[in-house]
PDB file of N, CA and C in Angstrom:
ATOM      1  N   MET A   1     -86.547 -53.470   1.968  1.00  0.00           N
ATOM      2  CA  MET A   1     -85.996 -52.162   2.226  1.00  0.00           C
ATOM      3  C   MET A   1     -86.532 -51.174   1.222  1.00  0.00           C
ATOM      4  N   LYS A   2     -87.010 -50.098   1.635  1.00  0.00           N
ATOM      5  CA  LYS A   2     -87.518 -49.063   0.683  1.00  0.00           C
ATOM      6  C   LYS A   2     -86.788 -47.746   0.944  1.00  0.00           C
ATOM      7  N   GLY A   3     -86.119 -47.316  -0.103  1.00  0.00           N
ATOM      8  CA  GLY A   3     -85.427 -46.026  -0.067  1.00  0.00           C
ATOM      9  C   GLY A   3     -85.807 -45.175  -1.241  1.00  0.00           C
ATOM     10  N   THR A   4     -85.185 -44.046  -1.370  1.00  0.00           N
ATOM     11  CA  THR A   4     -85.472 -43.178  -2.505  1.00  0.00           C
ATOM     12  C   THR A   4     -84.145 -42.768  -3.154  1.00  0.00           C
ATOM     13  N   LEU A   5     -84.196 -42.597  -4.423  1.00  0.00           N
ATOM     14  CA  LEU A   5     -83.053 -42.099  -5.184  1.00  0.00           C
ATOM     15  C   LEU A   5     -83.172 -40.621  -5.365  1.00  0.00           C
ATOM     16  N   HIS A   6     -82.106 -39.875  -5.176  1.00  0.00           N
ATOM     17  CA  HIS A   6     -82.061 -38.431  -5.303  1.00  0.00           C
ATOM     18  C   HIS A   6     -80.832 -37.972  -6.090  1.00  0.00           C
ATOM     19  N   LEU A   7     -80.816 -36.778  -6.601  1.00  0.00           N
ATOM     20  CA  LEU A   7     -79.589 -36.164  -7.027  1.00  0.00           C
ATOM     21  C   LEU A   7     -79.231 -35.064  -6.082  1.00  0.00           C
ATOM     22  N   THR A   8     -78.000 -35.036  -5.630  1.00  0.00           N
ATOM     23  CA  THR A   8     -77.535 -33.917  -4.789  1.00  0.00           C
ATOM     24  C   THR A   8     -77.445 -32.626  -5.583  1.00  0.00           C
ATOM     25  N   SER A   9     -77.188 -31.522  -4.885  1.00  0.00           N
ATOM     26  CA  SER A   9     -77.155 -30.259  -5.619  1.00  0.00           C
ATOM     27  C   SER A   9     -76.059 -30.186  -6.690  1.00  0.00           C
ATOM     28  N   ASN A  10     -75.028 -30.984  -6.539  1.00  0.00           N
ATOM     29  CA  ASN A  10     -74.010 -31.061  -7.567  1.00  0.00           C
ATOM     30  C   ASN A  10     -74.169 -32.198  -8.569  1.00  0.00           C
ATOM     31  N   GLY A  11     -75.393 -32.813  -8.567  1.00  0.00           N
ATOM     32  CA  GLY A  11     -75.688 -33.803  -9.564  1.00  0.00           C
ATOM     33  C   GLY A  11     -75.210 -35.200  -9.291  1.00  0.00           C
ATOM     34  N   LEU A  12     -74.856 -35.534  -8.070  1.00  0.00           N
ATOM     35  CA  LEU A  12     -74.386 -36.864  -7.727  1.00  0.00           C
ATOM     36  C   LEU A  12     -75.563 -37.664  -7.182  1.00  0.00           C
ATOM     37  N   ALA A  13     -75.662 -38.955  -7.578  1.00  0.00           N
ATOM     38  CA  ALA A  13     -76.735 -39.810  -7.156  1.00  0.00           C
ATOM     39  C   ALA A  13     -76.583 -40.175  -5.692  1.00  0.00           C
ATOM     40  N   SER A  14     -77.703 -40.246  -4.974  1.00  0.00           N
ATOM     41  CA  SER A  14     -77.780 -40.626  -3.599  1.00  0.00           C
ATOM     42  C   SER A  14     -79.028 -41.454  -3.381  1.00  0.00           C
ATOM     43  N   TYR A  15     -78.819 -42.619  -2.679  1.00  0.00           N
ATOM     44  CA  TYR A  15     -79.941 -43.497  -2.341  1.00  0.00           C
ATOM     45  C   TYR A  15     -80.093 -43.315  -0.793  1.00  0.00           C
ATOM     46  N   GLU A  16     -81.304 -43.010  -0.330  1.00  0.00           N
ATOM     47  CA  GLU A  16     -81.474 -42.705   1.069  1.00  0.00           C
ATOM     48  C   GLU A  16     -82.580 -43.571   1.670  1.00  0.00           C
ATOM     49  N   VAL A  17     -82.346 -44.106   2.845  1.00  0.00           N
ATOM     50  CA  VAL A  17     -83.365 -44.878   3.653  1.00  0.00           C
ATOM     51  C   VAL A  17     -83.543 -44.074   4.918  1.00  0.00           C
ATOM     52  N   LEU A  18     -84.588 -43.223   4.973  1.00  0.00           N
ATOM     53  CA  LEU A  18     -84.814 -42.413   6.166  1.00  0.00           C
ATOM     54  C   LEU A  18     -85.249 -43.289   7.341  1.00  0.00           C
ATOM     55  N   ASP A  19     -84.920 -42.871   8.548  1.00  0.00           N
ATOM     56  CA  ASP A  19     -85.286 -43.537   9.747  1.00  0.00           C
ATOM     57  C   ASP A  19     -84.777 -45.012   9.782  1.00  0.00           C
ATOM     58  N   ALA A  20     -83.670 -45.301   9.082  1.00  0.00           N
ATOM     59  CA  ALA A  20     -83.115 -46.572   9.129  1.00  0.00           C
ATOM     60  C   ALA A  20     -82.368 -46.865  10.408  1.00  0.00           C
ATOM     61  N   GLU A  21     -82.384 -48.084  10.834  1.00  0.00           N
ATOM     62  CA  GLU A  21     -81.613 -48.498  12.009  1.00  0.00           C
ATOM     63  C   GLU A  21     -80.169 -48.680  11.650  1.00  0.00           C
ATOM     64  N   TYR A  22     -79.306 -48.714  12.603  1.00  0.00           N
ATOM     65  CA  TYR A  22     -77.843 -48.875  12.338  1.00  0.00           C
ATOM     66  C   TYR A  22     -77.623 -50.210  11.589  1.00  0.00           C
ATOM     67  N   SER A  23     -78.360 -51.226  11.871  1.00  0.00           N
ATOM     68  CA  SER A  23     -78.143 -52.532  11.172  1.00  0.00           C
ATOM     69  C   SER A  23     -78.366 -52.390   9.689  1.00  0.00           C
ATOM     70  N   THR A  24     -79.107 -51.405   9.191  1.00  0.00           N
ATOM     71  CA  THR A  24     -79.331 -51.233   7.759  1.00  0.00           C
ATOM     72  C   THR A  24     -78.017 -50.947   7.048  1.00  0.00           C
ATOM     73  N   VAL A  25     -77.164 -50.124   7.636  1.00  0.00           N
ATOM     74  CA  VAL A  25     -75.843 -49.809   7.015  1.00  0.00           C
ATOM     75  C   VAL A  25     -75.013 -51.016   6.892  1.00  0.00           C
ATOM     76  N   LEU A  26     -75.055 -51.861   7.872  1.00  0.00           N
ATOM     77  CA  LEU A  26     -74.290 -53.147   7.838  1.00  0.00           C
ATOM     78  C   LEU A  26     -74.819 -54.073   6.766  1.00  0.00           C
ATOM     79  N   GLU A  27     -76.121 -54.151   6.648  1.00  0.00           N
ATOM     80  CA  GLU A  27     -76.750 -54.981   5.617  1.00  0.00           C
ATOM     81  C   GLU A  27     -76.346 -54.488   4.221  1.00  0.00           C
ATOM     82  N   ILE A  28     -76.432 -53.191   4.005  1.00  0.00           N
ATOM     83  CA  ILE A  28     -76.046 -52.599   2.672  1.00  0.00           C
ATOM     84  C   ILE A  28     -74.560 -52.819   2.421  1.00  0.00           C
ATOM     85  N   ALA A  29     -73.668 -52.695   3.411  1.00  0.00           N
ATOM     86  CA  ALA A  29     -72.293 -52.866   3.276  1.00  0.00           C
ATOM     87  C   ALA A  29     -72.020 -54.300   2.772  1.00  0.00           C
ATOM     88  N   THR A  30     -72.660 -55.226   3.375  1.00  0.00           N
ATOM     89  CA  THR A  30     -72.488 -56.656   2.971  1.00  0.00           C
ATOM     90  C   THR A  30     -72.933 -56.901   1.510  1.00  0.00           C
ATOM     91  N   ILE A  31     -74.068 -56.269   1.135  1.00  0.00           N
ATOM     92  CA  ILE A  31     -74.531 -56.331  -0.235  1.00  0.00           C
ATOM     93  C   ILE A  31     -73.544 -55.714  -1.228  1.00  0.00           C
ATOM     94  N   LEU A  32     -73.069 -54.527  -0.808  1.00  0.00           N
ATOM     95  CA  LEU A  32     -72.067 -53.880  -1.721  1.00  0.00           C
ATOM     96  C   LEU A  32     -70.858 -54.798  -2.014  1.00  0.00           C
ATOM     97  N   GLU A  33     -70.377 -55.426  -0.945  1.00  0.00           N
ATOM     98  CA  GLU A  33     -69.213 -56.326  -1.115  1.00  0.00           C
ATOM     99  C   GLU A  33     -69.537 -57.607  -1.850  1.00  0.00           C
ATOM    100  N   ASN A  34     -70.553 -58.308  -1.413  1.00  0.00           N
ATOM    101  CA  ASN A  34     -70.870 -59.680  -1.896  1.00  0.00           C
ATOM    102  C   ASN A  34     -71.599 -59.691  -3.269  1.00  0.00           C
ATOM    103  N   LYS A  35     -72.513 -58.789  -3.491  1.00  0.00           N
ATOM    104  CA  LYS A  35     -73.297 -58.812  -4.775  1.00  0.00           C
ATOM    105  C   LYS A  35     -72.678 -57.894  -5.766  1.00  0.00           C
ATOM    106  N   PHE A  36     -72.269 -56.728  -5.344  1.00  0.00           N
ATOM    107  CA  PHE A  36     -71.809 -55.726  -6.350  1.00  0.00           C
ATOM    108  C   PHE A  36     -70.290 -55.574  -6.364  1.00  0.00           C
ATOM    109  N   THR A  37     -69.589 -56.400  -5.638  1.00  0.00           N
ATOM    110  CA  THR A  37     -68.107 -56.543  -5.608  1.00  0.00           C
ATOM    111  C   THR A  37     -67.331 -55.193  -5.361  1.00  0.00           C
ATOM    112  N   PHE A  38     -67.918 -54.320  -4.563  1.00  0.00           N
ATOM    113  CA  PHE A  38     -67.214 -53.173  -4.124  1.00  0.00           C
ATOM    114  C   PHE A  38     -66.298 -53.535  -3.029  1.00  0.00           C
ATOM    115  N   ILE A  39     -65.128 -52.891  -2.938  1.00  0.00           N
ATOM    116  CA  ILE A  39     -64.101 -53.127  -1.967  1.00  0.00           C
ATOM    117  C   ILE A  39     -64.116 -52.065  -0.879  1.00  0.00           C
ATOM    118  N   PRO A  40     -64.192 -52.373   0.372  1.00  0.00           N
ATOM    119  CA  PRO A  40     -64.174 -51.315   1.408  1.00  0.00           C
ATOM    120  C   PRO A  40     -62.729 -50.715   1.480  1.00  0.00           C
ATOM    121  N   THR A  41     -62.696 -49.408   1.662  1.00  0.00           N
ATOM    122  CA  THR A  41     -61.362 -48.733   1.671  1.00  0.00           C
ATOM    123  C   THR A  41     -61.178 -48.008   3.018  1.00  0.00           C
ATOM    124  N   SER A  42     -62.236 -47.620   3.698  1.00  0.00           N
ATOM    125  CA  SER A  42     -62.095 -47.020   5.009  1.00  0.00           C
ATOM    126  C   SER A  42     -63.446 -47.073   5.761  1.00  0.00           C
ATOM    127  N   HIS A  43     -63.346 -46.906   7.074  1.00  0.00           N
ATOM    128  CA  HIS A  43     -64.535 -47.004   7.887  1.00  0.00           C
ATOM    129  C   HIS A  43     -64.358 -46.112   9.108  1.00  0.00           C
ATOM    130  N   ILE A  44     -65.277 -45.162   9.234  1.00  0.00           N
ATOM    131  CA  ILE A  44     -65.206 -44.251  10.443  1.00  0.00           C
ATOM    132  C   ILE A  44     -66.420 -44.487  11.298  1.00  0.00           C
ATOM    133  N   VAL A  45     -66.240 -44.737  12.563  1.00  0.00           N
ATOM    134  CA  VAL A  45     -67.363 -45.085  13.411  1.00  0.00           C
ATOM    135  C   VAL A  45     -67.385 -44.033  14.589  1.00  0.00           C
ATOM    136  N   GLY A  46     -68.584 -43.490  14.840  1.00  0.00           N
ATOM    137  CA  GLY A  46     -68.769 -42.614  15.949  1.00  0.00           C
ATOM    138  C   GLY A  46     -69.939 -43.126  16.776  1.00  0.00           C
ATOM    139  N   THR A  47     -70.251 -42.410  17.843  1.00  0.00           N
ATOM    140  CA  THR A  47     -71.365 -42.887  18.667  1.00  0.00           C
ATOM    141  C   THR A  47     -72.716 -42.623  18.015  1.00  0.00           C
ATOM    142  N   GLU A  48     -72.740 -41.620  17.112  1.00  0.00           N
ATOM    143  CA  GLU A  48     -74.022 -41.251  16.500  1.00  0.00           C
ATOM    144  C   GLU A  48     -74.005 -41.333  14.941  1.00  0.00           C
ATOM    145  N   GLN A  49     -72.918 -41.854  14.404  1.00  0.00           N
ATOM    146  CA  GLN A  49     -72.798 -41.976  12.997  1.00  0.00           C
ATOM    147  C   GLN A  49     -71.712 -42.973  12.569  1.00  0.00           C
ATOM    148  N   THR A  50     -71.811 -43.457  11.328  1.00  0.00           N
ATOM    149  CA  THR A  50     -70.756 -44.282  10.774  1.00  0.00           C
ATOM    150  C   THR A  50     -70.697 -43.992   9.275  1.00  0.00           C
ATOM    151  N   TYR A  51     -69.484 -44.018   8.731  1.00  0.00           N
ATOM    152  CA  TYR A  51     -69.278 -43.772   7.323  1.00  0.00           C
ATOM    153  C   TYR A  51     -68.278 -44.862   6.798  1.00  0.00           C
ATOM    154  N   MET A  52     -68.622 -45.410   5.637  1.00  0.00           N
ATOM    155  CA  MET A  52     -67.792 -46.419   5.013  1.00  0.00           C
ATOM    156  C   MET A  52     -67.530 -45.975   3.582  1.00  0.00           C
ATOM    157  N   GLU A  53     -66.271 -46.102   3.173  1.00  0.00           N
ATOM    158  CA  GLU A  53     -65.959 -45.775   1.809  1.00  0.00           C
ATOM    159  C   GLU A  53     -65.694 -47.122   1.054  1.00  0.00           C
ATOM    160  N   PHE A  54     -66.171 -47.158  -0.196  1.00  0.00           N
ATOM    161  CA  PHE A  54     -66.008 -48.387  -1.041  1.00  0.00           C
ATOM    162  C   PHE A  54     -65.511 -47.877  -2.371  1.00  0.00           C
ATOM    163  N   GLN A  55     -64.865 -48.852  -3.138  1.00  0.00           N
ATOM    164  CA  GLN A  55     -64.348 -48.565  -4.413  1.00  0.00           C
ATOM    165  C   GLN A  55     -64.505 -49.771  -5.360  1.00  0.00           C
ATOM    166  N   LYS A  56     -64.739 -49.476  -6.639  1.00  0.00           N
ATOM    167  CA  LYS A  56     -64.855 -50.487  -7.637  1.00  0.00           C
ATOM    168  C   LYS A  56     -64.581 -49.865  -8.974  1.00  0.00           C
ATOM    169  N   GLU A  57     -63.602 -50.388  -9.739  1.00  0.00           N
ATOM    170  CA  GLU A  57     -63.315 -49.945 -11.093  1.00  0.00           C
ATOM    171  C   GLU A  57     -63.164 -48.417 -11.117  1.00  0.00           C
ATOM    172  N   GLY A  58     -62.482 -47.843 -10.133  1.00  0.00           N
ATOM    173  CA  GLY A  58     -62.222 -46.409 -10.090  1.00  0.00           C
ATOM    174  C   GLY A  58     -63.406 -45.611  -9.616  1.00  0.00           C
ATOM    175  N   ILE A  59     -64.496 -46.244  -9.256  1.00  0.00           N
ATOM    176  CA  ILE A  59     -65.713 -45.542  -8.731  1.00  0.00           C
ATOM    177  C   ILE A  59     -65.664 -45.571  -7.200  1.00  0.00           C
ATOM    178  N   ASN A  60     -65.860 -44.453  -6.602  1.00  0.00           N
ATOM    179  CA  ASN A  60     -65.863 -44.326  -5.169  1.00  0.00           C
ATOM    180  C   ASN A  60     -67.223 -43.957  -4.665  1.00  0.00           C
ATOM    181  N   VAL A  61     -67.697 -44.661  -3.633  1.00  0.00           N
ATOM    182  CA  VAL A  61     -68.982 -44.352  -3.060  1.00  0.00           C
ATOM    183  C   VAL A  61     -68.828 -44.329  -1.522  1.00  0.00           C
ATOM    184  N   THR A  62     -69.739 -43.569  -0.889  1.00  0.00           N
ATOM    185  CA  THR A  62     -69.786 -43.525   0.570  1.00  0.00           C
ATOM    186  C   THR A  62     -71.122 -44.096   1.046  1.00  0.00           C
ATOM    187  N   LEU A  63     -71.058 -44.967   2.014  1.00  0.00           N
ATOM    188  CA  LEU A  63     -72.235 -45.530   2.695  1.00  0.00           C
ATOM    189  C   LEU A  63     -72.203 -44.940   4.073  1.00  0.00           C
ATOM    190  N   GLY A  64     -73.254 -44.338   4.464  1.00  0.00           N
ATOM    191  CA  GLY A  64     -73.282 -43.678   5.819  1.00  0.00           C
ATOM    192  C   GLY A  64     -74.630 -43.879   6.527  1.00  0.00           C
ATOM    193  N   TRP A  65     -74.521 -43.656   7.845  1.00  0.00           N
ATOM    194  CA  TRP A  65     -75.716 -43.769   8.683  1.00  0.00           C
ATOM    195  C   TRP A  65     -75.506 -42.768   9.857  1.00  0.00           C
ATOM    196  N   ASP A  66     -76.588 -42.042  10.204  1.00  0.00           N
ATOM    197  CA  ASP A  66     -76.501 -41.258  11.432  1.00  0.00           C
ATOM    198  C   ASP A  66     -77.879 -41.294  12.103  1.00  0.00           C
ATOM    199  N   ILE A  67     -77.905 -40.802  13.337  1.00  0.00           N
ATOM    200  CA  ILE A  67     -79.154 -40.902  14.158  1.00  0.00           C
ATOM    201  C   ILE A  67     -80.169 -39.850  13.661  1.00  0.00           C
ATOM    202  N   TRP A  68     -79.774 -38.905  12.878  1.00  0.00           N
ATOM    203  CA  TRP A  68     -80.684 -37.837  12.453  1.00  0.00           C
ATOM    204  C   TRP A  68     -81.380 -38.172  11.149  1.00  0.00           C
ATOM    205  N   CYS A  69     -80.686 -38.760  10.211  1.00  0.00           N
ATOM    206  CA  CYS A  69     -81.210 -38.903   8.869  1.00  0.00           C
ATOM    207  C   CYS A  69     -81.412 -40.348   8.415  1.00  0.00           C
ATOM    208  N   GLY A  70     -80.792 -41.284   9.026  1.00  0.00           N
ATOM    209  CA  GLY A  70     -80.895 -42.685   8.609  1.00  0.00           C
ATOM    210  C   GLY A  70     -79.637 -43.070   7.788  1.00  0.00           C
ATOM    211  N   CYS A  71     -79.923 -43.755   6.671  1.00  0.00           N
ATOM    212  CA  CYS A  71     -78.840 -44.316   5.895  1.00  0.00           C
ATOM    213  C   CYS A  71     -78.801 -43.743   4.487  1.00  0.00           C
ATOM    214  N   PHE A  72     -77.612 -43.617   3.947  1.00  0.00           N
ATOM    215  CA  PHE A  72     -77.466 -43.093   2.599  1.00  0.00           C
ATOM    216  C   PHE A  72     -76.301 -43.810   1.885  1.00  0.00           C
ATOM    217  N   LEU A  73     -76.397 -43.825   0.592  1.00  0.00           N
ATOM    218  CA  LEU A  73     -75.291 -44.368  -0.285  1.00  0.00           C
ATOM    219  C   LEU A  73     -75.167 -43.339  -1.419  1.00  0.00           C
ATOM    220  N   MET A  74     -73.944 -42.798  -1.560  1.00  0.00           N
ATOM    221  CA  MET A  74     -73.744 -41.672  -2.451  1.00  0.00           C
ATOM    222  C   MET A  74     -72.513 -41.851  -3.305  1.00  0.00           C
ATOM    223  N   ALA A  75     -72.619 -41.532  -4.565  1.00  0.00           N
ATOM    224  CA  ALA A  75     -71.410 -41.500  -5.514  1.00  0.00           C
ATOM    225  C   ALA A  75     -70.515 -40.332  -5.236  1.00  0.00           C
ATOM    226  N   HIS A  76     -69.257 -40.463  -5.464  1.00  0.00           N
ATOM    227  CA  HIS A  76     -68.312 -39.331  -5.374  1.00  0.00           C
ATOM    228  C   HIS A  76     -68.160 -38.639  -6.621  1.00  0.00           C
ATOM    229  N   GLU A  77     -68.430 -39.254  -7.725  1.00  0.00           N
ATOM    230  CA  GLU A  77     -68.287 -38.616  -9.075  1.00  0.00           C
ATOM    231  C   GLU A  77     -69.451 -39.037  -9.916  1.00  0.00           C
ATOM    232  N   HIS A  78     -69.730 -38.217 -11.000  1.00  0.00           N
ATOM    233  CA  HIS A  78     -70.853 -38.502 -11.844  1.00  0.00           C
ATOM    234  C   HIS A  78     -70.831 -39.887 -12.501  1.00  0.00           C
ATOM    235  N   SER A  79     -69.656 -40.398 -12.779  1.00  0.00           N
ATOM    236  CA  SER A  79     -69.516 -41.722 -13.380  1.00  0.00           C
ATOM    237  C   SER A  79     -70.011 -42.784 -12.454  1.00  0.00           C
ATOM    238  N   GLY A  80     -70.228 -42.519 -11.157  1.00  0.00           N
ATOM    239  CA  GLY A  80     -70.752 -43.505 -10.211  1.00  0.00           C
ATOM    240  C   GLY A  80     -72.298 -43.490 -10.109  1.00  0.00           C
ATOM    241  N   ASN A  81     -72.906 -42.487 -10.756  1.00  0.00           N
ATOM    242  CA  ASN A  81     -74.395 -42.372 -10.683  1.00  0.00           C
ATOM    243  C   ASN A  81     -75.111 -43.617 -11.091  1.00  0.00           C
ATOM    244  N   PRO A  82     -74.684 -44.250 -12.270  1.00  0.00           N
ATOM    245  CA  PRO A  82     -75.425 -45.458 -12.670  1.00  0.00           C
ATOM    246  C   PRO A  82     -75.313 -46.598 -11.686  1.00  0.00           C
ATOM    247  N   TYR A  83     -74.197 -46.720 -10.972  1.00  0.00           N
ATOM    248  CA  TYR A  83     -74.014 -47.779  -9.925  1.00  0.00           C
ATOM    249  C   TYR A  83     -74.999 -47.501  -8.798  1.00  0.00           C
ATOM    250  N   ILE A  84     -75.088 -46.274  -8.351  1.00  0.00           N
ATOM    251  CA  ILE A  84     -76.027 -45.931  -7.245  1.00  0.00           C
ATOM    252  C   ILE A  84     -77.444 -46.217  -7.663  1.00  0.00           C
ATOM    253  N   GLN A  85     -77.824 -45.845  -8.823  1.00  0.00           N
ATOM    254  CA  GLN A  85     -79.188 -46.074  -9.271  1.00  0.00           C
ATOM    255  C   GLN A  85     -79.464 -47.558  -9.397  1.00  0.00           C
ATOM    256  N   HIS A  86     -78.512 -48.333  -9.924  1.00  0.00           N
ATOM    257  CA  HIS A  86     -78.712 -49.809 -10.013  1.00  0.00           C
ATOM    258  C   HIS A  86     -78.808 -50.466  -8.658  1.00  0.00           C
ATOM    259  N   ILE A  87     -77.920 -50.085  -7.729  1.00  0.00           N
ATOM    260  CA  ILE A  87     -77.894 -50.641  -6.391  1.00  0.00           C
ATOM    261  C   ILE A  87     -79.190 -50.232  -5.676  1.00  0.00           C
ATOM    262  N   GLY A  88     -79.612 -48.974  -5.780  1.00  0.00           N
ATOM    263  CA  GLY A  88     -80.812 -48.538  -5.158  1.00  0.00           C
ATOM    264  C   GLY A  88     -82.066 -49.288  -5.653  1.00  0.00           C
ATOM    265  N   THR A  89     -82.131 -49.476  -6.894  1.00  0.00           N
ATOM    266  CA  THR A  89     -83.224 -50.279  -7.472  1.00  0.00           C
ATOM    267  C   THR A  89     -83.211 -51.655  -6.920  1.00  0.00           C
ATOM    268  N   TYR A  90     -82.027 -52.301  -6.823  1.00  0.00           N
ATOM    269  CA  TYR A  90     -81.954 -53.651  -6.242  1.00  0.00           C
ATOM    270  C   TYR A  90     -82.410 -53.658  -4.781  1.00  0.00           C
ATOM    271  N   LEU A  91     -81.870 -52.700  -3.972  1.00  0.00           N
ATOM    272  CA  LEU A  91     -82.196 -52.633  -2.591  1.00  0.00           C
ATOM    273  C   LEU A  91     -83.776 -52.445  -2.372  1.00  0.00           C
ATOM    274  N   ASN A  92     -84.400 -51.747  -3.273  1.00  0.00           N
ATOM    275  CA  ASN A  92     -85.882 -51.575  -3.101  1.00  0.00           C
ATOM    276  C   ASN A  92     -86.612 -52.902  -3.320  1.00  0.00           C
ATOM    277  N   THR A  93     -85.986 -53.890  -3.884  1.00  0.00           N
ATOM    278  CA  THR A  93     -86.704 -55.143  -4.106  1.00  0.00           C
ATOM    279  C   THR A  93     -86.603 -56.055  -2.856  1.00  0.00           C
ATOM    280  N   LEU A  94     -85.787 -55.662  -1.855  1.00  0.00           N
ATOM    281  CA  LEU A  94     -85.567 -56.470  -0.679  1.00  0.00           C
ATOM    282  C   LEU A  94     -86.641 -56.275   0.339  1.00  0.00           C
TER     283      LEU A  94
END
């Protein structure tokens, strides 16, 4: 899997896999839970998008996918940036 790390306009880390299939978000969700021990807290599914919220040690992240942009993983707060960077680096090795 090859994605890119970005900072959003408010300085939050985001890992993006453009043109990703829906299965990519499920694969990343499994990795977040099993390898990085994030706990899922909510899941919203639509016909053209899905969003999953995860938490670990007070850090909140969103994993999402839609038909327009592909897949993304984003921190909710600046303290989550190192997690996103570490996870993104790992995902790029797959």
